[in-house]
Structures are given as C-alpha cells and as structure tokens.
C-alpha atoms as a PDB file:
ATOM      1  CA  MET A   1     134.378 118.644  65.667  1.00  0.00           C
ATOM      2  CA  THR A   2     138.373 118.698  66.774  1.00  0.00           C
ATOM      3  CA  PRO A   3     140.272 120.145  64.154  1.00  0.00           C
ATOM      4  CA  PRO A   4     142.283 117.492  62.325  1.00  0.00           C
ATOM      5  CA  ARG A   5     145.817 117.166  62.728  1.00  0.00           C
ATOM      6  CA  LEU A   6     148.233 117.820  59.561  1.00  0.00           C
ATOM      7  CA  LEU A   7     151.006 115.748  58.460  1.00  0.00           C
ATOM      8  CA  GLY A   8     154.466 117.198  58.968  1.00  0.00           C
ATOM      9  CA  PRO A   9     157.816 116.265  57.288  1.00  0.00           C
ATOM     10  CA  ALA A  10     158.304 113.262  60.105  1.00  0.00           C
ATOM     11  CA  GLU A  11     154.623 111.777  59.615  1.00  0.00           C
ATOM     12  CA  ILE A  12     155.011 112.101  55.705  1.00  0.00           C
ATOM     13  CA  ARG A  13     158.397 109.651  55.730  1.00  0.00           C
ATOM     14  CA  THR A  14     156.938 107.466  58.313  1.00  0.00           C
ATOM     15  CA  LEU A  15     154.013 106.733  56.254  1.00  0.00           C
ATOM     16  CA  ALA A  16     156.119 106.439  53.051  1.00  0.00           C
ATOM     17  CA  ALA A  17     158.320 103.881  54.938  1.00  0.00           C
ATOM     18  CA  GLU A  18     155.572 102.033  56.250  1.00  0.00           C
ATOM     19  CA  LEU A  19     153.714 101.671  52.631  1.00  0.00           C
ATOM     20  CA  ASP A  20     157.435 101.149  51.219  1.00  0.00           C
ATOM     21  CA  VAL A  21     156.456 104.195  48.984  1.00  0.00           C
ATOM     22  CA  ARG A  22     158.984 105.384  46.646  1.00  0.00           C
ATOM     23  CA  PRO A  23     157.673 108.642  45.236  1.00  0.00           C
ATOM     24  CA  THR A  24     157.928 108.154  40.988  1.00  0.00           C
ATOM     25  CA  LYS A  25     157.849 110.974  38.323  1.00  0.00           C
ATOM     26  CA  THR A  26     155.585 108.651  36.436  1.00  0.00           C
ATOM     27  CA  LEU A  27     152.720 109.200  38.677  1.00  0.00           C
ATOM     28  CA  GLY A  28     153.916 112.819  39.464  1.00  0.00           C
ATOM     29  CA  GLN A  29     154.346 112.239  43.181  1.00  0.00           C
ATOM     30  CA  ASN A  30     155.374 114.928  45.308  1.00  0.00           C
ATOM     31  CA  PHE A  31     153.957 114.983  48.687  1.00  0.00           C
ATOM     32  CA  VAL A  32     153.180 118.586  50.808  1.00  0.00           C
ATOM     33  CA  HIS A  33     154.702 118.588  54.126  1.00  0.00           C
ATOM     34  CA  ASP A  34     154.159 121.949  55.104  1.00  0.00           C
ATOM     35  CA  GLY A  35     150.959 122.579  57.379  1.00  0.00           C
ATOM     36  CA  ASN A  36     150.889 126.223  56.776  1.00  0.00           C
ATOM     37  CA  THR A  37     150.873 125.565  52.378  1.00  0.00           C
ATOM     38  CA  VAL A  38     147.993 123.002  53.570  1.00  0.00           C
ATOM     39  CA  ARG A  39     146.200 125.820  55.430  1.00  0.00           C
ATOM     40  CA  ARG A  40     146.737 128.472  52.705  1.00  0.00           C
ATOM     41  CA  ILE A  41     145.510 126.330  49.771  1.00  0.00           C
ATOM     42  CA  VAL A  42     142.438 125.592  51.772  1.00  0.00           C
ATOM     43  CA  THR A  43     141.418 129.067  52.633  1.00  0.00           C
ATOM     44  CA  THR A  44     142.290 130.003  48.968  1.00  0.00           C
ATOM     45  CA  SER A  45     140.024 127.437  47.798  1.00  0.00           C
ATOM     46  CA  GLY A  46     137.286 129.048  49.389  1.00  0.00           C
ATOM     47  CA  VAL A  47     135.222 125.666  50.160  1.00  0.00           C
ATOM     48  CA  GLY A  48     133.070 125.484  53.481  1.00  0.00           C
ATOM     49  CA  ALA A  49     130.717 123.251  55.107  1.00  0.00           C
ATOM     50  CA  GLN A  50     128.318 123.273  51.930  1.00  0.00           C
ATOM     51  CA  ASP A  51     130.954 121.761  49.740  1.00  0.00           C
ATOM     52  CA  VAL A  52     131.555 118.232  48.351  1.00  0.00           C
ATOM     53  CA  VAL A  53     135.354 118.536  47.455  1.00  0.00           C
ATOM     54  CA  LEU A  54     136.676 116.449  44.882  1.00  0.00           C
ATOM     55  CA  GLU A  55     140.575 115.785  45.712  1.00  0.00           C
ATOM     56  CA  VAL A  56     142.787 114.393  42.808  1.00  0.00           C
ATOM     57  CA  GLY A  57     145.718 112.576  43.965  1.00  0.00           C
ATOM     58  CA  PRO A  58     145.555 113.116  47.475  1.00  0.00           C
ATOM     59  CA  GLY A  59     148.825 110.872  48.162  1.00  0.00           C
ATOM     60  CA  LEU A  60     149.528 110.274  51.716  1.00  0.00           C
ATOM     61  CA  GLY A  61     146.755 112.614  52.713  1.00  0.00           C
ATOM     62  CA  SER A  62     148.240 115.799  53.661  1.00  0.00           C
ATOM     63  CA  LEU A  63     145.845 118.354  51.822  1.00  0.00           C
ATOM     64  CA  THR A  64     142.946 115.761  52.399  1.00  0.00           C
ATOM     65  CA  LEU A  65     143.417 116.521  56.120  1.00  0.00           C
ATOM     66  CA  GLY A  66     143.424 119.923  55.786  1.00  0.00           C
ATOM     67  CA  LEU A  67     140.052 119.775  53.577  1.00  0.00           C
ATOM     68  CA  LEU A  68     138.129 117.749  56.229  1.00  0.00           C
ATOM     69  CA  GLY A  69     138.833 120.674  58.476  1.00  0.00           C
ATOM     70  CA  THR A  70     136.663 122.822  56.607  1.00  0.00           C
ATOM     71  CA  ALA A  71     134.806 121.108  53.499  1.00  0.00           C
ATOM     72  CA  GLY A  72     131.525 119.360  54.562  1.00  0.00           C
ATOM     73  CA  ARG A  73     132.665 115.896  52.478  1.00  0.00           C
ATOM     74  CA  VAL A  74     135.685 115.136  50.503  1.00  0.00           C
ATOM     75  CA  VAL A  75     135.852 112.715  47.816  1.00  0.00           C
ATOM     76  CA  ALA A  76     139.227 111.753  46.951  1.00  0.00           C
ATOM     77  CA  VAL A  77     140.501 110.020  43.782  1.00  0.00           C
ATOM     78  CA  GLU A  78     143.978 108.052  44.112  1.00  0.00           C
ATOM     79  CA  ILE A  79     145.502 105.873  41.091  1.00  0.00           C
ATOM     80  CA  ASP A  80     147.666 104.474  43.539  1.00  0.00           C
ATOM     81  CA  PRO A  81     145.893 101.041  45.029  1.00  0.00           C
ATOM     82  CA  LYS A  82     148.391 101.186  48.012  1.00  0.00           C
ATOM     83  CA  LEU A  83     147.900 104.730  48.792  1.00  0.00           C
ATOM     84  CA  ALA A  84     143.994 104.674  48.495  1.00  0.00           C
ATOM     85  CA  GLN A  85     143.776 101.661  50.700  1.00  0.00           C
ATOM     86  CA  ARG A  86     145.838 103.558  53.460  1.00  0.00           C
ATOM     87  CA  LEU A  87     143.893 106.811  53.309  1.00  0.00           C
ATOM     88  CA  PRO A  88     141.089 106.051  55.387  1.00  0.00           C
ATOM     89  CA  GLN A  89     143.374 104.649  58.345  1.00  0.00           C
ATOM     90  CA  THR A  90     145.339 108.026  58.108  1.00  0.00           C
ATOM     91  CA  VAL A  91     142.022 110.212  58.421  1.00  0.00           C
ATOM     92  CA  SER A  92     140.961 107.913  61.005  1.00  0.00           C
ATOM     93  CA  GLU A  93     144.356 108.591  62.873  1.00  0.00           C
ATOM     94  CA  PHE A  94     144.447 112.241  62.183  1.00  0.00           C
ATOM     95  CA  ALA A  95     140.784 113.202  61.709  1.00  0.00           C
ATOM     96  CA  PRO A  96     138.667 110.825  63.423  1.00  0.00           C
ATOM     97  CA  ASP A  97     135.763 113.132  63.744  1.00  0.00           C
ATOM     98  CA  ALA A  98     135.576 113.578  60.183  1.00  0.00           C
ATOM     99  CA  LEU A  99     135.942 110.045  59.062  1.00  0.00           C
ATOM    100  CA  ASP A 100     132.367 109.581  57.909  1.00  0.00           C
ATOM    101  CA  GLN A 101     133.024 112.958  55.613  1.00  0.00           C
ATOM    102  CA  PHE A 102     135.465 111.115  53.584  1.00  0.00           C
ATOM    103  CA  ASP A 103     135.339 108.814  50.855  1.00  0.00           C
ATOM    104  CA  VAL A 104     138.460 107.584  48.918  1.00  0.00           C
ATOM    105  CA  VAL A 105     137.910 106.155  45.225  1.00  0.00           C
ATOM    106  CA  THR A 106     140.894 103.942  43.583  1.00  0.00           C
ATOM    107  CA  GLY A 107     140.922 104.891  39.799  1.00  0.00           C
ATOM    108  CA  ASP A 108     142.462 107.328  37.139  1.00  0.00           C
ATOM    109  CA  ALA A 109     141.414 110.977  37.454  1.00  0.00           C
ATOM    110  CA  LEU A 110     141.839 110.924  33.253  1.00  0.00           C
ATOM    111  CA  THR A 111     138.873 108.755  33.082  1.00  0.00           C
ATOM    112  CA  VAL A 112     136.564 109.260  36.202  1.00  0.00           C
ATOM    113  CA  ARG A 113     132.933 109.961  35.532  1.00  0.00           C
ATOM    114  CA  PRO A 114     130.062 111.290  37.889  1.00  0.00           C
ATOM    115  CA  ALA A 115     128.956 107.445  38.461  1.00  0.00           C
ATOM    116  CA  ASP A 116     132.030 106.642  40.027  1.00  0.00           C
ATOM    117  CA  LEU A 117     131.867 108.984  42.771  1.00  0.00           C
ATOM    118  CA  PRO A 118     129.425 108.659  45.863  1.00  0.00           C
ATOM    119  CA  ALA A 119     128.579 112.169  45.693  1.00  0.00           C
ATOM    120  CA  ALA A 120     128.409 115.128  43.091  1.00  0.00           C
ATOM    121  CA  PRO A 121     131.371 117.432  43.772  1.00  0.00           C
ATOM    122  CA  THR A 122     130.701 121.250  44.161  1.00  0.00           C
ATOM    123  CA  ALA A 123     134.424 122.103  44.318  1.00  0.00           C
ATOM    124  CA  LEU A 124     137.730 120.888  42.883  1.00  0.00           C
ATOM    125  CA  VAL A 125     140.784 121.142  44.882  1.00  0.00           C
ATOM    126  CA  ALA A 126     144.236 119.451  44.356  1.00  0.00           C
ATOM    127  CA  ASN A 127     147.557 118.844  43.790  1.00  0.00           C
ATOM    128  CA  LEU A 128     147.444 117.787  40.397  1.00  0.00           C
ATOM    129  CA  PRO A 129     150.460 115.546  38.920  1.00  0.00           C
ATOM    130  CA  TYR A 130     152.546 117.579  37.022  1.00  0.00           C
ATOM    131  CA  ASN A 131     152.701 115.454  33.948  1.00  0.00           C
ATOM    132  CA  VAL A 132     148.921 115.087  33.367  1.00  0.00           C
ATOM    133  CA  ALA A 133     147.450 118.427  34.939  1.00  0.00           C
ATOM    134  CA  VAL A 134     146.154 120.155  32.148  1.00  0.00           C
ATOM    135  CA  PRO A 135     144.325 117.250  30.514  1.00  0.00           C
ATOM    136  CA  VAL A 136     142.997 116.178  34.040  1.00  0.00           C
ATOM    137  CA  LEU A 137     141.687 119.614  34.749  1.00  0.00           C
ATOM    138  CA  LEU A 138     139.745 119.715  31.663  1.00  0.00           C
ATOM    139  CA  HIS A 139     138.434 116.333  31.939  1.00  0.00           C
ATOM    140  CA  LEU A 140     137.047 116.932  35.080  1.00  0.00           C
ATOM    141  CA  MET A 141     135.321 120.544  34.145  1.00  0.00           C
ATOM    142  CA  SER A 142     133.789 118.662  31.220  1.00  0.00           C
ATOM    143  CA  GLN A 143     132.555 115.542  33.154  1.00  0.00           C
ATOM    144  CA  PHE A 144     131.523 117.176  36.196  1.00  0.00           C
ATOM    145  CA  PRO A 145     128.994 120.197  35.510  1.00  0.00           C
ATOM    146  CA  THR A 146     128.048 120.479  39.391  1.00  0.00           C
ATOM    147  CA  LEU A 147     132.098 121.700  39.805  1.00  0.00           C
ATOM    148  CA  GLN A 148     131.416 125.436  40.587  1.00  0.00           C
ATOM    149  CA  THR A 149     135.064 126.139  41.657  1.00  0.00           C
ATOM    150  CA  ALA A 150     138.281 124.621  41.034  1.00  0.00           C
ATOM    151  CA  LEU A 151     141.702 125.449  43.047  1.00  0.00           C
ATOM    152  CA  VAL A 152     144.544 123.299  41.396  1.00  0.00           C
ATOM    153  CA  MET A 153     148.454 123.252  42.166  1.00  0.00           C
ATOM    154  CA  VAL A 154     150.311 122.898  39.184  1.00  0.00           C
ATOM    155  CA  GLN A 155     153.696 123.459  37.740  1.00  0.00           C
ATOM    156  CA  ALA A 156     154.350 127.280  37.716  1.00  0.00           C
ATOM    157  CA  GLU A 157     154.760 127.319  33.941  1.00  0.00           C
ATOM    158  CA  VAL A 158     151.384 125.651  33.489  1.00  0.00           C
ATOM    159  CA  ALA A 159     149.982 127.832  36.164  1.00  0.00           C
ATOM    160  CA  ASP A 160     151.177 130.748  33.875  1.00  0.00           C
ATOM    161  CA  ARG A 161     149.774 129.340  30.659  1.00  0.00           C
ATOM    162  CA  LEU A 162     146.438 128.280  32.159  1.00  0.00           C
ATOM    163  CA  ALA A 163     145.854 132.287  33.290  1.00  0.00           C
ATOM    164  CA  ALA A 164     147.308 134.002  30.519  1.00  0.00           C
ATOM    165  CA  THR A 165     145.410 136.242  28.554  1.00  0.00           C
ATOM    166  CA  PRO A 166     145.151 136.837  24.541  1.00  0.00           C
ATOM    167  CA  GLY A 167     148.044 138.454  22.939  1.00  0.00           C
ATOM    168  CA  GLY A 168     150.949 136.861  25.117  1.00  0.00           C
ATOM    169  CA  ARG A 169     153.574 134.753  24.024  1.00  0.00           C
ATOM    170  CA  ILE A 170     152.254 131.759  26.209  1.00  0.00           C
ATOM    171  CA  TYR A 171     148.831 132.117  25.844  1.00  0.00           C
ATOM    172  CA  GLY A 172     147.505 129.020  24.027  1.00  0.00           C
ATOM    173  CA  VAL A 173     145.193 125.803  23.872  1.00  0.00           C
ATOM    174  CA  PRO A 174     145.281 125.354  27.825  1.00  0.00           C
ATOM    175  CA  SER A 175     144.430 129.069  28.383  1.00  0.00           C
ATOM    176  CA  VAL A 176     141.459 129.159  25.952  1.00  0.00           C
ATOM    177  CA  LYS A 177     140.037 125.676  26.730  1.00  0.00           C
ATOM    178  CA  ALA A 178     140.176 126.662  30.437  1.00  0.00           C
ATOM    179  CA  ARG A 179     138.274 129.675  29.912  1.00  0.00           C
ATOM    180  CA  TYR A 180     135.387 128.074  28.093  1.00  0.00           C
ATOM    181  CA  TYR A 181     134.259 126.878  31.659  1.00  0.00           C
ATOM    182  CA  GLY A 182     134.960 130.214  33.429  1.00  0.00           C
ATOM    183  CA  ASP A 183     136.734 132.818  34.836  1.00  0.00           C
ATOM    184  CA  VAL A 184     140.646 131.683  35.474  1.00  0.00           C
ATOM    185  CA  THR A 185     143.133 133.482  37.456  1.00  0.00           C
ATOM    186  CA  ARG A 186     146.536 133.095  39.057  1.00  0.00           C
ATOM    187  CA  ALA A 187     146.003 132.219  42.714  1.00  0.00           C
ATOM    188  CA  GLY A 188     149.529 132.239  44.168  1.00  0.00           C
ATOM    189  CA  SER A 189     152.806 130.612  43.933  1.00  0.00           C
ATOM    190  CA  ILE A 190     154.269 127.539  45.972  1.00  0.00           C
ATOM    191  CA  GLY A 191     157.925 127.161  46.732  1.00  0.00           C
ATOM    192  CA  LYS A 192     159.863 123.685  46.222  1.00  0.00           C
ATOM    193  CA  HIS A 193     160.896 123.395  49.971  1.00  0.00           C
ATOM    194  CA  VAL A 194     157.414 122.374  50.895  1.00  0.00           C
ATOM    195  CA  PHE A 195     157.297 119.147  48.816  1.00  0.00           C
ATOM    196  CA  TRP A 196     158.800 115.245  49.468  1.00  0.00           C
ATOM    197  CA  PRO A 197     160.656 114.779  47.427  1.00  0.00           C
ATOM    198  CA  GLU A 198     161.507 118.538  46.470  1.00  0.00           C
ATOM    199  CA  PRO A 199     160.858 119.207  42.883  1.00  0.00           C
ATOM    200  CA  LYS A 200     163.130 121.028  40.735  1.00  0.00           C
ATOM    201  CA  ILE A 201     160.534 123.502  39.706  1.00  0.00           C
ATOM    202  CA  GLU A 202     158.032 125.746  41.304  1.00  0.00           C
ATOM    203  CA  SER A 203     154.411 125.539  41.772  1.00  0.00           C
ATOM    204  CA  GLY A 204     151.600 127.456  41.095  1.00  0.00           C
ATOM    205  CA  LEU A 205     147.863 128.015  42.162  1.00  0.00           C
ATOM    206  CA  VAL A 206     145.246 128.335  39.556  1.00  0.00           C
ATOM    207  CA  ARG A 207     141.458 129.057  40.555  1.00  0.00           C
ATOM    208  CA  ILE A 208     138.461 128.292  37.900  1.00  0.00           C
ATOM    209  CA  GLU A 209     135.277 130.238  39.325  1.00  0.00           C
ATOM    210  CA  ARG A 210     132.619 128.440  36.764  1.00  0.00           C
ATOM    211  CA  THR A 211     130.260 130.347  34.525  1.00  0.00           C
ATOM    212  CA  ASP A 212     129.022 127.967  31.639  1.00  0.00           C
ATOM    213  CA  ARG A 213     128.489 130.994  29.687  1.00  0.00           C
ATOM    214  CA  PHE A 214     128.329 128.725  26.640  1.00  0.00           C
ATOM    215  CA  GLY A 215     126.066 126.016  27.975  1.00  0.00           C
ATOM    216  CA  LEU A 216     126.886 122.377  28.489  1.00  0.00           C
ATOM    217  CA  ASP A 217     126.155 120.653  25.433  1.00  0.00           C
ATOM    218  CA  ALA A 218     129.101 118.287  24.405  1.00  0.00           C
ATOM    219  CA  ASP A 219     128.945 119.107  20.831  1.00  0.00           C
ATOM    220  CA  HIS A 220     129.404 122.644  21.088  1.00  0.00           C
ATOM    221  CA  ARG A 221     132.466 121.871  23.055  1.00  0.00           C
ATOM    222  CA  ARG A 222     133.972 119.849  20.862  1.00  0.00           C
ATOM    223  CA  ARG A 223     133.254 122.054  17.854  1.00  0.00           C
ATOM    224  CA  THR A 224     134.931 124.917  19.946  1.00  0.00           C
ATOM    225  CA  PHE A 225     138.059 122.918  21.031  1.00  0.00           C
ATOM    226  CA  ALA A 226     138.830 121.665  17.436  1.00  0.00           C
ATOM    227  CA  ALA A 227     138.926 125.005  16.182  1.00  0.00           C
ATOM    228  CA  VAL A 228     141.080 125.901  19.073  1.00  0.00           C
ATOM    229  CA  ASP A 229     143.522 122.830  18.565  1.00  0.00           C
ATOM    230  CA  ALA A 230     143.698 123.723  14.757  1.00  0.00           C
ATOM    231  CA  ALA A 231     144.408 127.470  15.357  1.00  0.00           C
ATOM    232  CA  PHE A 232     147.357 126.728  17.834  1.00  0.00           C
ATOM    233  CA  ALA A 233     148.769 123.742  16.015  1.00  0.00           C
ATOM    234  CA  GLN A 234     150.612 126.243  13.933  1.00  0.00           C
ATOM    235  CA  ARG A 235     150.599 129.273  16.018  1.00  0.00           C
ATOM    236  CA  ARG A 236     152.911 131.355  13.613  1.00  0.00           C
ATOM    237  CA  LYS A 237     150.360 131.020  10.737  1.00  0.00           C
ATOM    238  CA  THR A 238     147.190 133.093  10.212  1.00  0.00           C
ATOM    239  CA  MET A 239     144.272 131.957  10.856  1.00  0.00           C
ATOM    240  CA  ARG A 240     143.273 131.567   7.264  1.00  0.00           C
ATOM    241  CA  ALA A 241     146.158 129.368   6.734  1.00  0.00           C
ATOM    242  CA  ALA A 242     146.050 127.467  10.218  1.00  0.00           C
ATOM    243  CA  LEU A 243     142.476 126.566   9.844  1.00  0.00           C
ATOM    244  CA  GLY A 244     142.611 124.930   6.277  1.00  0.00           C
ATOM    245  CA  GLY A 245     142.759 121.600   7.536  1.00  0.00           C
ATOM    246  CA  TRP A 246     140.074 122.009  10.107  1.00  0.00           C
ATOM    247  CA  ALA A 247     137.415 123.801   7.537  1.00  0.00           C
ATOM    248  CA  GLY A 248     138.560 121.778   4.450  1.00  0.00           C
ATOM    249  CA  THR A 249     140.619 124.388   2.446  1.00  0.00           C
ATOM    250  CA  SER A 250     141.889 127.814   3.358  1.00  0.00           C
ATOM    251  CA  ALA A 251     139.654 129.628   1.074  1.00  0.00           C
ATOM    252  CA  ARG A 252     136.658 127.978   3.150  1.00  0.00           C
ATOM    253  CA  ALA A 253     138.383 129.000   6.566  1.00  0.00           C
ATOM    254  CA  GLU A 254     138.545 132.659   5.282  1.00  0.00           C
ATOM    255  CA  GLU A 255     134.775 132.337   4.476  1.00  0.00           C
ATOM    256  CA  LEU A 256     133.891 131.132   7.978  1.00  0.00           C
ATOM    257  CA  LEU A 257     136.290 133.577   9.429  1.00  0.00           C
ATOM    258  CA  ARG A 258     134.746 136.760   8.129  1.00  0.00           C
ATOM    259  CA  ALA A 259     131.287 135.388   8.739  1.00  0.00           C
ATOM    260  CA  ALA A 260     132.341 135.075  12.513  1.00  0.00           C
ATOM    261  CA  ASP A 261     133.646 138.674  12.236  1.00  0.00           C
ATOM    262  CA  ILE A 262     137.113 137.791  12.636  1.00  0.00           C
ATOM    263  CA  ASP A 263     140.178 138.878  10.494  1.00  0.00           C
ATOM    264  CA  PRO A 264     141.624 135.862   8.468  1.00  0.00           C
ATOM    265  CA  SER A 265     144.874 137.399   8.913  1.00  0.00           C
ATOM    266  CA  ILE A 266     145.251 137.490  12.306  1.00  0.00           C
ATOM    267  CA  ARG A 267     147.007 134.524  14.436  1.00  0.00           C
ATOM    268  CA  GLY A 268     145.234 132.318  17.045  1.00  0.00           C
ATOM    269  CA  GLU A 269     147.210 133.932  19.974  1.00  0.00           C
ATOM    270  CA  ARG A 270     145.204 136.986  19.606  1.00  0.00           C
ATOM    271  CA  LEU A 271     141.688 135.469  19.932  1.00  0.00           C
ATOM    272  CA  ALA A 272     139.528 135.098  23.252  1.00  0.00           C
ATOM    273  CA  VAL A 273     137.516 132.250  23.759  1.00  0.00           C
ATOM    274  CA  ASP A 274     134.343 134.092  22.597  1.00  0.00           C
ATOM    275  CA  ASP A 275     135.771 134.501  19.292  1.00  0.00           C
ATOM    276  CA  PHE A 276     136.644 130.710  18.900  1.00  0.00           C
ATOM    277  CA  VAL A 277     132.900 129.993  20.195  1.00  0.00           C
ATOM    278  CA  ARG A 278     131.580 132.179  17.463  1.00  0.00           C
ATOM    279  CA  LEU A 279     133.629 130.694  14.712  1.00  0.00           C
ATOM    280  CA  ALA A 280     132.699 127.085  15.895  1.00  0.00           C
ATOM    281  CA  GLU A 281     128.974 128.182  16.081  1.00  0.00           C
ATOM    282  CA  VAL A 282     128.943 129.804  12.659  1.00  0.00           C
ATOM    283  CA  ALA A 283     130.921 126.733  11.239  1.00  0.00           C
ATOM    284  CA  ALA A 284     127.921 124.363  12.404  1.00  0.00           C
ATOM    285  CA  ALA A 285     125.446 126.420  10.980  1.00  0.00           C
ATOM    286  CA  ALA A 286     127.082 126.378   7.878  1.00  0.00           C
ATOM    287  CA  GLU A 287     127.343 122.869   7.639  1.00  0.00           C
ATOM    288  CA  ALA A 288     123.924 122.519   8.593  1.00  0.00           C
ATOM    289  CA  ALA A 289     122.389 124.891   5.997  1.00  0.00           C
ATOM    290  CA  GLU A 290     124.390 122.829   3.161  1.00  0.00           C
END
C-alpha cells in the first residue's frame, strides 16, 4: 500500500477555505499541520495492522491520514457535519489505498455508544477538544471495553492532572478515574506551533494501558466514582468530613473508612484508586447487610 500523504499548512488552509471553516473555541478546533508531529503521535500510540482505531474529532483529517498508514482500520467520530462529510473525500485524495479501511460517524463523542460504530475499536488515538477532553476520555473508556490502549493529546495542564500520582497538588478526580481503567503515563509534550490556529497553551500526550483490574461492572464504577467525587469536592477537608454527605453522616463515613482500613483524618489527595475502590466495596457490602 502506498503511504498516505499528510496534510501540511497549505493543505490545511486550502481545505478550511473550501469548507468555509473558521475554527471555533466552542468545538475546541485546532488543526495539526505538522507531519512530523502526526508521525510521532502515531508511533507513540503503538497501533498496528491488528488495530481498529477510534479517532475523536478528526477535523480536516491530519491525524486520520497518519493513522491510516499504520492501523488496520480507522473509525472517526466528528461532531461537525461539514467536516465529517468532507473526510472521505480527503482520504480518497491523500490515501486512496486506505479508503476501504476508513469510516466516519457524525456524532458527539460524549454520547457515542458501541452500537453507533461499524466496528469495535481496540485503540483510542485522538487530539481531544480541550474543553471536554476529560469527560470524553472517561466516557469512551467506560462505554468501549474493547479499547485496550488510549493515546490522547490534551491541554498540557490536563495531561499533568491525568498522569498525576497520589500526594501531589494536582492529583485529583481525573487522576483517580483514569487509573480506574488502567495504567496512566505522560507520553510527551506538543508545542503550539504545530497547530492552526495556534493555541495559547502547550499540549501533552497521555497514554492509558487498560487493565480492568476492577472489572467492568457499571454499578461498581458508579459507586467508586461517587466516593471520588465526594472526596475531592472539598479537598482541603479530611475524608471523614468530606464524605459526610456521601455516607449520610460524618460518623458513618468514619465507620466505613475504618472498615476499609483508611485513616479518617487523611485527605483524598493521599489515596490511590485502590483505596477508593475498597471504600466503595465496603459501603456496598454494609448497605446490602442492612
């Protein structure tokens, strides 16, 4: 197969002009125009011919073309109908040999479900819109258990938060919830100059290797995430105080924390995902016994 041609600055601007596209902050549109960056993202993702890649927000197709040169199949989810409609033509022009390996779905990544896609994805590779990056990532990991890896480009600060470990100032809800699904690592940084329009902030790559150590039960996940949300809603408070509303009373929260072998005087930022899982399981068992 002939390797796809990638989009450069001239091609990006030509496509945008043709479609009368004016990138909007509302949709978080910043289009990558640097081929080396695209190749780096694809290489870092580790995808191969065996993978069905889910790409969110393909935009004009910069990363899409790079993925089609490596992945077995690419399924793109694009919220902008105008961009979604143009993508197959772009693939036909720049990667004609890979056209039958490409599908585009017009829809919102925050609500997409497995039934909406033509194939079950094994890997997520995406330049996520800054304003909804974490909700989109967590939604996709919850809805698509077939995803074994994820490599997403997000705002640098968000990347740091997702990859943060217990005890740090930036460790919080995204850090814990991402680790519910697997091992999370910071996978690199991306400068501003590779985008059009150029954003005011740096970007970062985050990788998740799925483990599903805690199973796939949706109720288990909801219970755990409810405890996480409560713990960090008032992150300066002790777990006993912060979980008062979640447990019913602070006294009840202390009982559950001690049963889960967690110091009630500790703050949420000191706890790992395993601690929150254990606490949620203790609370569920106590509720069932009552």
